[in-house]
Amino acid sequence: MPVFIHRAFTYCPGKPRSHLLRLLIGLLGLVLLAVLVVVGLFVGLGMLLFAAVRRLMRPGQRAAAVEDALDGEFTVVEKRSASLSLR
C-alpha cells in the first residue's frame, strides 16, 4: 500500500517533445484560466446584484428591527494598573 500512495503523489506526466505542441497546450491552459476567471467574475457580480435587489425589495423590514432594541444602563469600570511590589 505505501508504494501505491508514493506512486500516486509523485506522478508527473511527460511533456510533448514538439515545441509547437508545447506552445499549443500552454495557450490552451491560459485560455482555460481566462475563461474560469471571467465566469467567476460574472457569478460574483450576479450574487452582488441579487443581494442588492433583494435588499431594495424590502425597505420596511430594517425599520422594524430598530423598534425591537432593548434599553439599558451601564457603568464604566476603570482598569487599574497592576502593582509589582514585593511587599
PDB file of N, CA and C in Angstrom:
ATOM      1  N   MET A   1       0.798  -1.203   0.000  1.00  0.00           N
ATOM      2  CA  MET A   1       0.000   0.000   0.000  1.00  0.00           C
ATOM      3  C   MET A   1       0.850   1.281   0.000  1.00  0.00           C
ATOM      4  N   PRO A   2       1.923   1.372   0.790  1.00  0.00           N
ATOM      5  CA  PRO A   2       2.712   2.603   0.759  1.00  0.00           C
ATOM      6  C   PRO A   2       3.320   2.882  -0.611  1.00  0.00           C
ATOM      7  N   VAL A   3       3.629   1.822  -1.387  1.00  0.00           N
ATOM      8  CA  VAL A   3       4.212   2.029  -2.706  1.00  0.00           C
ATOM      9  C   VAL A   3       3.197   2.691  -3.625  1.00  0.00           C
ATOM     10  N   PHE A   4       1.922   2.283  -3.534  1.00  0.00           N
ATOM     11  CA  PHE A   4       0.885   2.878  -4.371  1.00  0.00           C
ATOM     12  C   PHE A   4       0.684   4.352  -4.044  1.00  0.00           C
ATOM     13  N   ILE A   5       0.677   4.682  -2.742  1.00  0.00           N
ATOM     14  CA  ILE A   5       0.495   6.082  -2.347  1.00  0.00           C
ATOM     15  C   ILE A   5       1.668   6.914  -2.845  1.00  0.00           C
ATOM     16  N   HIS A   6       2.869   6.383  -2.750  1.00  0.00           N
ATOM     17  CA  HIS A   6       4.039   7.107  -3.232  1.00  0.00           C
ATOM     18  C   HIS A   6       3.943   7.346  -4.743  1.00  0.00           C
ATOM     19  N   ARG A   7       3.508   6.348  -5.479  1.00  0.00           N
ATOM     20  CA  ARG A   7       3.384   6.487  -6.935  1.00  0.00           C
ATOM     21  C   ARG A   7       2.290   7.470  -7.301  1.00  0.00           C
ATOM     22  N   ALA A   8       1.207   7.532  -6.501  1.00  0.00           N
ATOM     23  CA  ALA A   8       0.095   8.440  -6.812  1.00  0.00           C
ATOM     24  C   ALA A   8       0.506   9.899  -6.635  1.00  0.00           C
ATOM     25  N   PHE A   9       1.344  10.186  -5.631  1.00  0.00           N
ATOM     26  CA  PHE A   9       1.717  11.566  -5.370  1.00  0.00           C
ATOM     27  C   PHE A   9       2.970  12.014  -6.112  1.00  0.00           C
ATOM     28  N   THR A  10       3.680  11.126  -6.741  1.00  0.00           N
ATOM     29  CA  THR A  10       4.879  11.513  -7.479  1.00  0.00           C
ATOM     30  C   THR A  10       4.690  11.393  -8.986  1.00  0.00           C
ATOM     31  N   TYR A  11       3.464  11.196  -9.452  1.00  0.00           N
ATOM     32  CA  TYR A  11       3.208  11.057 -10.884  1.00  0.00           C
ATOM     33  C   TYR A  11       3.420  12.394 -11.574  1.00  0.00           C
ATOM     34  N   CYS A  12       4.182  12.397 -12.630  1.00  0.00           N
ATOM     35  CA  CYS A  12       4.428  13.601 -13.417  1.00  0.00           C
ATOM     36  C   CYS A  12       4.294  13.224 -14.892  1.00  0.00           C
ATOM     37  N   PRO A  13       3.245  13.695 -15.552  1.00  0.00           N
ATOM     38  CA  PRO A  13       3.092  13.320 -16.960  1.00  0.00           C
ATOM     39  C   PRO A  13       4.195  13.950 -17.805  1.00  0.00           C
ATOM     40  N   GLY A  14       4.599  13.238 -18.834  1.00  0.00           N
ATOM     41  CA  GLY A  14       5.655  13.731 -19.702  1.00  0.00           C
ATOM     42  C   GLY A  14       5.161  14.842 -20.620  1.00  0.00           C
ATOM     43  N   LYS A  15       6.041  15.802 -20.874  1.00  0.00           N
ATOM     44  CA  LYS A  15       5.697  16.895 -21.776  1.00  0.00           C
ATOM     45  C   LYS A  15       5.957  16.441 -23.213  1.00  0.00           C
ATOM     46  N   PRO A  16       5.157  16.950 -24.141  1.00  0.00           N
ATOM     47  CA  PRO A  16       5.402  16.586 -25.538  1.00  0.00           C
ATOM     48  C   PRO A  16       6.742  17.166 -26.027  1.00  0.00           C
ATOM     49  N   ARG A  17       7.371  16.477 -26.951  1.00  0.00           N
ATOM     50  CA  ARG A  17       8.677  16.924 -27.446  1.00  0.00           C
ATOM     51  C   ARG A  17       8.565  18.043 -28.464  1.00  0.00           C
ATOM     52  N   SER A  18       7.458  18.113 -29.138  1.00  0.00           N
ATOM     53  CA  SER A  18       7.295  19.130 -30.172  1.00  0.00           C
ATOM     54  C   SER A  18       7.094  20.504 -29.522  1.00  0.00           C
ATOM     55  N   HIS A  19       7.878  21.475 -29.960  1.00  0.00           N
ATOM     56  CA  HIS A  19       7.765  22.822 -29.414  1.00  0.00           C
ATOM     57  C   HIS A  19       6.415  23.449 -29.759  1.00  0.00           C
ATOM     58  N   LEU A  20       5.911  23.149 -30.925  1.00  0.00           N
ATOM     59  CA  LEU A  20       4.621  23.691 -31.330  1.00  0.00           C
ATOM     60  C   LEU A  20       3.496  23.125 -30.471  1.00  0.00           C
ATOM     61  N   LEU A  21       3.565  21.840 -30.174  1.00  0.00           N
ATOM     62  CA  LEU A  21       2.548  21.217 -29.331  1.00  0.00           C
ATOM     63  C   LEU A  21       2.640  21.729 -27.896  1.00  0.00           C
ATOM     64  N   ARG A  22       3.865  21.965 -27.394  1.00  0.00           N
ATOM     65  CA  ARG A  22       4.022  22.563 -26.062  1.00  0.00           C
ATOM     66  C   ARG A  22       3.393  23.949 -26.006  1.00  0.00           C
ATOM     67  N   LEU A  23       3.622  24.735 -27.037  1.00  0.00           N
ATOM     68  CA  LEU A  23       3.052  26.075 -27.096  1.00  0.00           C
ATOM     69  C   LEU A  23       1.535  26.014 -27.153  1.00  0.00           C
ATOM     70  N   LEU A  24       0.996  25.097 -27.935  1.00  0.00           N
ATOM     71  CA  LEU A  24      -0.449  24.955 -28.061  1.00  0.00           C
ATOM     72  C   LEU A  24      -1.083  24.544 -26.731  1.00  0.00           C
ATOM     73  N   ILE A  25      -0.465  23.619 -26.010  1.00  0.00           N
ATOM     74  CA  ILE A  25      -1.002  23.185 -24.715  1.00  0.00           C
ATOM     75  C   ILE A  25      -0.903  24.323 -23.699  1.00  0.00           C
ATOM     76  N   GLY A  26       0.188  25.089 -23.734  1.00  0.00           N
ATOM     77  CA  GLY A  26       0.325  26.242 -22.835  1.00  0.00           C
ATOM     78  C   GLY A  26      -0.735  27.290 -23.095  1.00  0.00           C
ATOM     79  N   LEU A  27      -0.989  27.578 -24.368  1.00  0.00           N
ATOM     80  CA  LEU A  27      -2.028  28.557 -24.713  1.00  0.00           C
ATOM     81  C   LEU A  27      -3.418  28.051 -24.334  1.00  0.00           C
ATOM     82  N   LEU A  28      -3.644  26.756 -24.496  1.00  0.00           N
ATOM     83  CA  LEU A  28      -4.920  26.176 -24.089  1.00  0.00           C
ATOM     84  C   LEU A  28      -5.125  26.323 -22.575  1.00  0.00           C
ATOM     85  N   GLY A  29      -4.065  26.151 -21.806  1.00  0.00           N
ATOM     86  CA  GLY A  29      -4.151  26.341 -20.360  1.00  0.00           C
ATOM     87  C   GLY A  29      -4.454  27.778 -19.997  1.00  0.00           C
ATOM     88  N   LEU A  30      -3.818  28.733 -20.700  1.00  0.00           N
ATOM     89  CA  LEU A  30      -4.096  30.151 -20.437  1.00  0.00           C
ATOM     90  C   LEU A  30      -5.524  30.521 -20.793  1.00  0.00           C
ATOM     91  N   VAL A  31      -6.034  29.992 -21.888  1.00  0.00           N
ATOM     92  CA  VAL A  31      -7.417  30.262 -22.285  1.00  0.00           C
ATOM     93  C   VAL A  31      -8.388  29.688 -21.252  1.00  0.00           C
ATOM     94  N   LEU A  32      -8.107  28.490 -20.782  1.00  0.00           N
ATOM     95  CA  LEU A  32      -8.954  27.883 -19.756  1.00  0.00           C
ATOM     96  C   LEU A  32      -8.933  28.709 -18.477  1.00  0.00           C
ATOM     97  N   LEU A  33      -7.770  29.203 -18.083  1.00  0.00           N
ATOM     98  CA  LEU A  33      -7.662  30.051 -16.905  1.00  0.00           C
ATOM     99  C   LEU A  33      -8.452  31.348 -17.084  1.00  0.00           C
ATOM    100  N   ALA A  34      -8.361  31.973 -18.244  1.00  0.00           N
ATOM    101  CA  ALA A  34      -9.097  33.205 -18.505  1.00  0.00           C
ATOM    102  C   ALA A  34     -10.607  32.965 -18.480  1.00  0.00           C
ATOM    103  N   VAL A  35     -11.054  31.855 -19.035  1.00  0.00           N
ATOM    104  CA  VAL A  35     -12.488  31.538 -19.021  1.00  0.00           C
ATOM    105  C   VAL A  35     -12.972  31.351 -17.588  1.00  0.00           C
ATOM    106  N   LEU A  36     -12.200  30.666 -16.767  1.00  0.00           N
ATOM    107  CA  LEU A  36     -12.609  30.463 -15.375  1.00  0.00           C
ATOM    108  C   LEU A  36     -12.648  31.771 -14.604  1.00  0.00           C
ATOM    109  N   VAL A  37     -11.717  32.675 -14.859  1.00  0.00           N
ATOM    110  CA  VAL A  37     -11.722  33.979 -14.190  1.00  0.00           C
ATOM    111  C   VAL A  37     -12.944  34.787 -14.607  1.00  0.00           C
ATOM    112  N   VAL A  38     -13.253  34.812 -15.882  1.00  0.00           N
ATOM    113  CA  VAL A  38     -14.410  35.581 -16.365  1.00  0.00           C
ATOM    114  C   VAL A  38     -15.706  35.000 -15.819  1.00  0.00           C
ATOM    115  N   VAL A  39     -15.838  33.685 -15.812  1.00  0.00           N
ATOM    116  CA  VAL A  39     -17.048  33.055 -15.262  1.00  0.00           C
ATOM    117  C   VAL A  39     -17.162  33.365 -13.776  1.00  0.00           C
ATOM    118  N   GLY A  40     -16.054  33.331 -13.047  1.00  0.00           N
ATOM    119  CA  GLY A  40     -16.074  33.667 -11.623  1.00  0.00           C
ATOM    120  C   GLY A  40     -16.486  35.101 -11.380  1.00  0.00           C
ATOM    121  N   LEU A  41     -16.014  36.022 -12.225  1.00  0.00           N
ATOM    122  CA  LEU A  41     -16.422  37.419 -12.087  1.00  0.00           C
ATOM    123  C   LEU A  41     -17.921  37.592 -12.321  1.00  0.00           C
ATOM    124  N   PHE A  42     -18.451  36.934 -13.339  1.00  0.00           N
ATOM    125  CA  PHE A  42     -19.875  37.060 -13.609  1.00  0.00           C
ATOM    126  C   PHE A  42     -20.722  36.431 -12.503  1.00  0.00           C
ATOM    127  N   VAL A  43     -20.275  35.335 -11.950  1.00  0.00           N
ATOM    128  CA  VAL A  43     -21.011  34.714 -10.841  1.00  0.00           C
ATOM    129  C   VAL A  43     -20.985  35.631  -9.626  1.00  0.00           C
ATOM    130  N   GLY A  44     -19.832  36.215  -9.331  1.00  0.00           N
ATOM    131  CA  GLY A  44     -19.725  37.145  -8.200  1.00  0.00           C
ATOM    132  C   GLY A  44     -20.586  38.378  -8.386  1.00  0.00           C
ATOM    133  N   LEU A  45     -20.581  38.955  -9.576  1.00  0.00           N
ATOM    134  CA  LEU A  45     -21.423  40.119  -9.847  1.00  0.00           C
ATOM    135  C   LEU A  45     -22.900  39.763  -9.764  1.00  0.00           C
ATOM    136  N   GLY A  46     -23.255  38.588 -10.229  1.00  0.00           N
ATOM    137  CA  GLY A  46     -24.644  38.150 -10.120  1.00  0.00           C
ATOM    138  C   GLY A  46     -25.084  38.017  -8.675  1.00  0.00           C
ATOM    139  N   MET A  47     -24.211  37.491  -7.835  1.00  0.00           N
ATOM    140  CA  MET A  47     -24.546  37.364  -6.414  1.00  0.00           C
ATOM    141  C   MET A  47     -24.713  38.728  -5.764  1.00  0.00           C
ATOM    142  N   LEU A  48     -23.829  39.676  -6.105  1.00  0.00           N
ATOM    143  CA  LEU A  48     -23.945  41.020  -5.546  1.00  0.00           C
ATOM    144  C   LEU A  48     -25.218  41.720  -6.015  1.00  0.00           C
ATOM    145  N   LEU A  49     -25.543  41.576  -7.289  1.00  0.00           N
ATOM    146  CA  LEU A  49     -26.771  42.190  -7.805  1.00  0.00           C
ATOM    147  C   LEU A  49     -28.017  41.567  -7.188  1.00  0.00           C
ATOM    148  N   PHE A  50     -28.011  40.263  -6.988  1.00  0.00           N
ATOM    149  CA  PHE A  50     -29.140  39.592  -6.354  1.00  0.00           C
ATOM    150  C   PHE A  50     -29.340  40.096  -4.930  1.00  0.00           C
ATOM    151  N   ALA A  51     -28.252  40.260  -4.182  1.00  0.00           N
ATOM    152  CA  ALA A  51     -28.356  40.757  -2.809  1.00  0.00           C
ATOM    153  C   ALA A  51     -28.848  42.196  -2.784  1.00  0.00           C
ATOM    154  N   ALA A  52     -28.393  43.023  -3.738  1.00  0.00           N
ATOM    155  CA  ALA A  52     -28.826  44.420  -3.779  1.00  0.00           C
ATOM    156  C   ALA A  52     -30.313  44.521  -4.121  1.00  0.00           C
ATOM    157  N   VAL A  53     -30.762  43.735  -5.093  1.00  0.00           N
ATOM    158  CA  VAL A  53     -32.180  43.768  -5.466  1.00  0.00           C
ATOM    159  C   VAL A  53     -33.036  43.242  -4.326  1.00  0.00           C
ATOM    160  N   ARG A  54     -32.593  42.210  -3.658  1.00  0.00           N
ATOM    161  CA  ARG A  54     -33.349  41.665  -2.533  1.00  0.00           C
ATOM    162  C   ARG A  54     -33.445  42.667  -1.388  1.00  0.00           C
ATOM    163  N   ARG A  55     -32.363  43.409  -1.174  1.00  0.00           N
ATOM    164  CA  ARG A  55     -32.376  44.421  -0.116  1.00  0.00           C
ATOM    165  C   ARG A  55     -33.284  45.595  -0.485  1.00  0.00           C
ATOM    166  N   LEU A  56     -33.327  45.951  -1.762  1.00  0.00           N
ATOM    167  CA  LEU A  56     -34.185  47.061  -2.185  1.00  0.00           C
ATOM    168  C   LEU A  56     -35.664  46.685  -2.184  1.00  0.00           C
ATOM    169  N   MET A  57     -35.962  45.416  -2.331  1.00  0.00           N
ATOM    170  CA  MET A  57     -37.357  44.992  -2.365  1.00  0.00           C
ATOM    171  C   MET A  57     -38.003  45.016  -0.980  1.00  0.00           C
ATOM    172  N   ARG A  58     -37.218  44.996   0.093  1.00  0.00           N
ATOM    173  CA  ARG A  58     -37.762  45.002   1.446  1.00  0.00           C
ATOM    174  C   ARG A  58     -37.238  46.207   2.225  1.00  0.00           C
ATOM    175  N   PRO A  59     -37.690  47.410   1.910  1.00  0.00           N
ATOM    176  CA  PRO A  59     -37.150  48.579   2.615  1.00  0.00           C
ATOM    177  C   PRO A  59     -37.713  48.744   4.026  1.00  0.00           C
ATOM    178  N   GLY A  60     -38.932  48.256   4.332  1.00  0.00           N
ATOM    179  CA  GLY A  60     -39.547  48.471   5.632  1.00  0.00           C
ATOM    180  C   GLY A  60     -39.060  47.522   6.707  1.00  0.00           C
ATOM    181  N   GLN A  61     -38.399  46.470   6.363  1.00  0.00           N
ATOM    182  CA  GLN A  61     -38.006  45.476   7.349  1.00  0.00           C
ATOM    183  C   GLN A  61     -36.870  45.986   8.240  1.00  0.00           C
ATOM    184  N   ARG A  62     -36.041  46.856   7.745  1.00  0.00           N
ATOM    185  CA  ARG A  62     -34.918  47.371   8.528  1.00  0.00           C
ATOM    186  C   ARG A  62     -35.427  48.274   9.656  1.00  0.00           C
ATOM    187  N   ALA A  63     -36.502  49.048   9.414  1.00  0.00           N
ATOM    188  CA  ALA A  63     -37.043  49.956  10.417  1.00  0.00           C
ATOM    189  C   ALA A  63     -37.678  49.176  11.572  1.00  0.00           C
ATOM    190  N   ALA A  64     -38.228  48.019  11.337  1.00  0.00           N
ATOM    191  CA  ALA A  64     -38.863  47.228  12.383  1.00  0.00           C
ATOM    192  C   ALA A  64     -37.821  46.686  13.358  1.00  0.00           C
ATOM    193  N   ALA A  65     -36.614  46.464  12.906  1.00  0.00           N
ATOM    194  CA  ALA A  65     -35.582  45.931  13.783  1.00  0.00           C
ATOM    195  C   ALA A  65     -35.143  46.959  14.817  1.00  0.00           C
ATOM    196  N   VAL A  66     -35.257  48.267  14.504  1.00  0.00           N
ATOM    197  CA  VAL A  66     -34.857  49.317  15.435  1.00  0.00           C
ATOM    198  C   VAL A  66     -35.840  49.389  16.598  1.00  0.00           C
ATOM    199  N   GLU A  67     -37.106  49.151  16.351  1.00  0.00           N
ATOM    200  CA  GLU A  67     -38.107  49.210  17.408  1.00  0.00           C
ATOM    201  C   GLU A  67     -37.922  48.089  18.424  1.00  0.00           C
ATOM    202  N   ASP A  68     -37.282  47.010  18.055  1.00  0.00           N
ATOM    203  CA  ASP A  68     -37.083  45.888  18.958  1.00  0.00           C
ATOM    204  C   ASP A  68     -35.840  46.039  19.834  1.00  0.00           C
ATOM    205  N   ALA A  69     -35.188  47.193  19.813  1.00  0.00           N
ATOM    206  CA  ALA A  69     -33.968  47.385  20.581  1.00  0.00           C
ATOM    207  C   ALA A  69     -34.280  47.465  22.071  1.00  0.00           C
ATOM    208  N   LEU A  70     -33.378  46.942  22.866  1.00  0.00           N
ATOM    209  CA  LEU A  70     -33.522  46.974  24.315  1.00  0.00           C
ATOM    210  C   LEU A  70     -32.785  48.174  24.883  1.00  0.00           C
ATOM    211  N   ASP A  71     -33.401  48.841  25.870  1.00  0.00           N
ATOM    212  CA  ASP A  71     -32.744  49.941  26.552  1.00  0.00           C
ATOM    213  C   ASP A  71     -32.078  49.401  27.804  1.00  0.00           C
ATOM    214  N   GLY A  72     -30.985  50.000  28.191  1.00  0.00           N
ATOM    215  CA  GLY A  72     -30.297  49.541  29.387  1.00  0.00           C
ATOM    216  C   GLY A  72     -29.361  50.607  29.920  1.00  0.00           C
ATOM    217  N   GLU A  73     -28.850  50.375  31.124  1.00  0.00           N
ATOM    218  CA  GLU A  73     -27.896  51.272  31.742  1.00  0.00           C
ATOM    219  C   GLU A  73     -26.566  50.555  31.872  1.00  0.00           C
ATOM    220  N   PHE A  74     -25.512  51.316  31.861  1.00  0.00           N
ATOM    221  CA  PHE A  74     -24.198  50.718  32.003  1.00  0.00           C
ATOM    222  C   PHE A  74     -23.338  51.606  32.883  1.00  0.00           C
ATOM    223  N   THR A  75     -22.315  51.006  33.440  1.00  0.00           N
ATOM    224  CA  THR A  75     -21.364  51.716  34.288  1.00  0.00           C
ATOM    225  C   THR A  75     -19.972  51.477  33.732  1.00  0.00           C
ATOM    226  N   VAL A  76     -19.200  52.540  33.640  1.00  0.00           N
ATOM    227  CA  VAL A  76     -17.832  52.429  33.137  1.00  0.00           C
ATOM    228  C   VAL A  76     -16.936  52.002  34.289  1.00  0.00           C
ATOM    229  N   VAL A  77     -16.220  50.913  34.110  1.00  0.00           N
ATOM    230  CA  VAL A  77     -15.307  50.412  35.125  1.00  0.00           C
ATOM    231  C   VAL A  77     -13.895  50.713  34.657  1.00  0.00           C
ATOM    232  N   GLU A  78     -13.154  51.422  35.506  1.00  0.00           N
ATOM    233  CA  GLU A  78     -11.785  51.783  35.139  1.00  0.00           C
ATOM    234  C   GLU A  78     -10.843  50.633  35.463  1.00  0.00           C
ATOM    235  N   LYS A  79      -9.904  50.399  34.598  1.00  0.00           N
ATOM    236  CA  LYS A  79      -8.936  49.341  34.804  1.00  0.00           C
ATOM    237  C   LYS A  79      -7.740  49.903  35.563  1.00  0.00           C
ATOM    238  N   ARG A  80      -7.424  49.264  36.672  1.00  0.00           N
ATOM    239  CA  ARG A  80      -6.287  49.719  37.473  1.00  0.00           C
ATOM    240  C   ARG A  80      -5.025  49.017  37.000  1.00  0.00           C
ATOM    241  N   SER A  81      -3.923  49.735  37.093  1.00  0.00           N
ATOM    242  CA  SER A  81      -2.661  49.111  36.679  1.00  0.00           C
ATOM    243  C   SER A  81      -2.205  48.135  37.748  1.00  0.00           C
ATOM    244  N   ALA A  82      -1.559  47.076  37.337  1.00  0.00           N
ATOM    245  CA  ALA A  82      -1.095  46.053  38.274  1.00  0.00           C
ATOM    246  C   ALA A  82       0.168  46.532  38.972  1.00  0.00           C
ATOM    247  N   SER A  83       0.220  46.330  40.266  1.00  0.00           N
ATOM    248  CA  SER A  83       1.407  46.718  41.020  1.00  0.00           C
ATOM    249  C   SER A  83       2.313  45.490  41.176  1.00  0.00           C
ATOM    250  N   LEU A  84       3.592  45.714  41.034  1.00  0.00           N
ATOM    251  CA  LEU A  84       4.552  44.616  41.111  1.00  0.00           C
ATOM    252  C   LEU A  84       5.464  44.762  42.332  1.00  0.00           C
ATOM    253  N   SER A  85       4.958  45.311  43.388  1.00  0.00           N
ATOM    254  CA  SER A  85       5.788  45.472  44.584  1.00  0.00           C
ATOM    255  C   SER A  85       5.980  44.144  45.285  1.00  0.00           C
ATOM    256  N   LEU A  86       7.064  44.016  46.025  1.00  0.00           N
ATOM    257  CA  LEU A  86       7.371  42.786  46.734  1.00  0.00           C
ATOM    258  C   LEU A  86       6.774  42.759  48.143  1.00  0.00           C
ATOM    259  N   ARG A  87       6.124  43.798  48.593  1.00  0.00           N
ATOM    260  CA  ARG A  87       5.549  43.870  49.934  1.00  0.00           C
ATOM    261  C   ARG A  87       4.238  43.207  50.026  1.00  0.00           C
TER     262      ARG A  87
END
